[in-house]
């Protein structure tokens, strides 16, 4: 059963360099999610794991937003849901693989959810060391992420 947690919406209209538009990303205060037509990546916390849902194909701007959302949340365990993506821009794949390597260096990892073999292949081609593990179901990705998190706690004990 999923926890009842507030949603955070990350918008492509933020004022960071390289983004379209000029409005700041809208966020919630723990109540209902603020929704706009400019929503690109949906982010939410699930028991210490950040789940990022991409609404379609992954381009460089969305890959950058994923990185910003992970950094803002201070996440060490991330699930990127690319279930609606039929394509990943090669540069975006490099950005996502780089994020995975940085998060691994902090003791965590990035898991990707996709059923598309082309998306998996693009991530594998972009990896110089190890591509993020891919899962077909978000539940499996969450389980892998939580297992990694628990093994990290055990190493600290």
Protein backbone atom coordinates (compact mmCIF):
# COMPACT_ATOMS: atom_id res chain seq x y z
CA UNK A 1 0.00 0.00 0.00
CA UNK A 2 1.35 3.41 -0.95
CA UNK A 3 1.97 6.00 1.73
CA UNK A 4 -0.13 9.15 1.72
CA UNK A 5 2.57 11.70 0.95
CA UNK A 6 2.40 15.17 -0.56
CA UNK A 7 3.26 15.58 -4.20
CA UNK A 8 5.81 18.04 -5.48
CA UNK A 9 5.50 19.22 -9.05
CA UNK A 10 8.58 20.33 -10.94
CA UNK A 11 7.82 22.61 -13.87
CA UNK A 12 9.75 23.22 -17.07
CA UNK A 13 8.91 26.89 -16.69
CA UNK A 14 11.35 27.49 -13.84
CA UNK A 15 13.83 30.35 -14.04
CA UNK A 16 16.93 28.13 -14.16
CA UNK A 17 19.14 28.52 -17.25
CA UNK A 18 18.07 26.33 -20.13
CA UNK A 19 14.44 26.11 -19.11
CA UNK A 20 11.51 27.41 -21.08
CA UNK A 21 9.44 30.26 -19.67
CA UNK A 22 9.92 32.27 -16.52
CA UNK A 23 7.61 31.10 -13.71
CA UNK A 24 9.02 29.30 -10.70
CA UNK A 25 8.07 25.66 -10.20
CA UNK A 26 4.91 25.36 -8.14
CA UNK A 27 5.09 23.25 -4.99
CA UNK A 28 2.63 22.11 -2.42
CA UNK A 29 2.59 22.85 1.27
CA UNK A 30 1.59 19.30 2.12
CA UNK A 31 -2.00 19.68 1.00
CA UNK A 32 -3.27 19.22 -2.51
CA UNK A 33 -0.84 19.33 -5.39
CA UNK A 34 -0.58 22.51 -7.38
CA UNK A 35 -1.17 21.63 -11.01
CA UNK A 36 -0.46 23.72 -14.07
CA UNK A 37 -0.30 23.09 -17.80
CA UNK A 38 3.49 23.46 -17.61
CA UNK A 39 4.07 20.37 -15.42
CA UNK A 40 6.84 18.23 -16.83
CA UNK A 41 8.16 15.94 -14.10
CA UNK A 42 6.08 14.79 -11.14
CA UNK A 43 8.15 14.10 -8.02
CA UNK A 44 7.06 12.45 -4.80
CA UNK A 45 8.67 10.87 -1.78
CA UNK A 46 7.88 7.26 -0.99
CA UNK A 47 9.48 6.24 2.29
CA UNK A 48 12.82 7.91 1.59
CA UNK A 49 12.84 7.07 -2.12
CA UNK A 50 12.12 9.85 -4.62
CA UNK A 51 9.85 8.78 -7.48
CA UNK A 52 10.08 10.96 -10.58
CA UNK A 53 7.48 10.44 -13.30
CA UNK A 54 8.29 11.76 -16.78
CA UNK A 55 5.14 12.41 -18.84
CA UNK A 56 6.60 11.32 -22.20
CA UNK A 57 9.85 11.11 -24.13
CA UNK A 58 12.96 12.14 -22.20
CA UNK A 59 14.79 15.14 -23.62
CA UNK A 60 17.73 17.09 -22.19
CA UNK A 61 15.55 19.69 -20.43
CA UNK A 62 13.57 16.97 -18.63
CA UNK A 63 16.77 15.09 -17.75
CA UNK A 64 18.16 18.29 -16.22
CA UNK A 65 14.95 18.72 -14.23
CA UNK A 66 15.29 15.18 -12.91
CA UNK A 67 18.77 16.07 -11.67
CA UNK A 68 17.56 19.28 -10.04
CA UNK A 69 14.68 17.46 -8.34
CA UNK A 70 17.03 14.79 -6.99
CA UNK A 71 19.47 17.41 -5.70
CA UNK A 72 16.68 19.50 -4.16
CA UNK A 73 15.29 16.47 -2.35
CA UNK A 74 18.75 15.32 -1.28
CA UNK A 75 17.77 11.89 -2.55
CA UNK A 76 20.01 8.86 -2.44
CA UNK A 77 17.39 6.46 -3.75
CA UNK A 78 15.56 7.45 -6.90
CA UNK A 79 13.07 5.75 -9.22
CA UNK A 80 12.64 7.42 -12.60
CA UNK A 81 9.40 6.32 -14.25
CA UNK A 82 9.88 6.45 -18.03
CA UNK A 83 6.82 4.26 -18.62
CA UNK A 84 5.34 6.80 -21.04
CA UNK A 85 8.61 7.38 -22.93
CA UNK A 86 9.06 5.80 -26.34
CA UNK A 87 12.38 7.59 -26.88
CA UNK A 88 15.29 9.00 -24.93
CA UNK A 89 17.47 11.70 -26.42
CA UNK A 90 21.09 10.41 -26.44
CA UNK A 91 22.30 13.44 -24.47
CA UNK A 92 19.47 12.96 -21.95
CA UNK A 93 20.55 9.34 -21.54
CA UNK A 94 24.09 10.50 -20.74
CA UNK A 95 22.67 12.97 -18.17
CA UNK A 96 20.55 10.24 -16.53
CA UNK A 97 23.47 7.79 -16.42
CA UNK A 98 25.69 10.53 -14.93
CA UNK A 99 23.06 11.18 -12.27
CA UNK A 100 23.01 7.46 -11.47
CA UNK A 101 26.80 7.47 -11.04
CA UNK A 102 26.70 10.55 -8.76
CA UNK A 103 23.91 9.09 -6.62
CA UNK A 104 25.80 5.77 -6.39
CA UNK A 105 28.84 7.71 -5.14
CA UNK A 106 26.61 8.97 -2.29
CA UNK A 107 25.65 5.41 -1.39
CA UNK A 108 22.39 5.20 -3.30
CA UNK A 109 21.21 4.56 -6.82
CA UNK A 110 18.79 5.34 -9.59
CA UNK A 111 16.34 2.74 -10.93
CA UNK A 112 14.45 3.26 -14.18
CA UNK A 113 10.98 1.97 -15.02
CA UNK A 114 10.39 1.24 -18.70
CA UNK A 115 9.00 -1.52 -20.87
CA UNK A 116 10.57 -0.09 -24.03
CA UNK A 117 13.66 -2.00 -25.18
CA UNK A 118 14.91 1.04 -27.15
CA UNK A 119 14.90 3.15 -23.98
CA UNK A 120 16.87 0.45 -22.14
CA UNK A 121 19.34 0.15 -25.00
CA UNK A 122 19.86 3.94 -25.10
CA UNK A 123 20.69 3.99 -21.39
CA UNK A 124 23.09 1.06 -21.77
CA UNK A 125 24.87 2.76 -24.70
CA UNK A 126 25.28 5.93 -22.64
CA UNK A 127 26.84 4.16 -19.66
CA UNK A 128 30.61 4.18 -19.31
CA UNK A 129 30.57 2.16 -16.10
CA UNK A 130 27.09 0.89 -15.24
CA UNK A 131 23.68 1.86 -16.52
CA UNK A 132 20.90 2.33 -14.00
CA UNK A 133 18.98 -0.91 -13.54
CA UNK A 134 15.72 -1.03 -15.48
CA UNK A 135 12.46 -2.59 -14.34
CA UNK A 136 9.15 -3.08 -16.13
CA UNK A 137 7.03 -2.34 -13.06
CA UNK A 138 7.34 0.55 -10.61
CA UNK A 139 6.73 -1.82 -7.70
CA UNK A 140 9.79 -3.87 -8.65
CA UNK A 141 11.92 -0.71 -8.92
CA UNK A 142 10.72 0.48 -5.51
CA UNK A 143 11.45 -2.91 -3.98
CA UNK A 144 14.99 -2.89 -5.41
CA UNK A 145 15.54 0.66 -4.20
CA UNK A 146 14.23 -0.09 -0.72
CA UNK A 147 16.32 -3.27 -0.52
CA UNK A 148 19.41 -1.22 -1.39
CA UNK A 149 18.41 1.35 1.22
CA UNK A 150 18.01 -1.34 3.90
CA UNK A 151 21.37 -2.91 3.02
CA UNK A 152 22.91 0.56 3.37
CA UNK A 153 21.46 0.84 6.87
CA UNK A 154 22.83 -2.62 7.72
CA UNK A 155 26.33 -1.59 6.56
CA UNK A 156 26.17 1.41 8.92
CA UNK A 157 25.19 -0.75 11.92
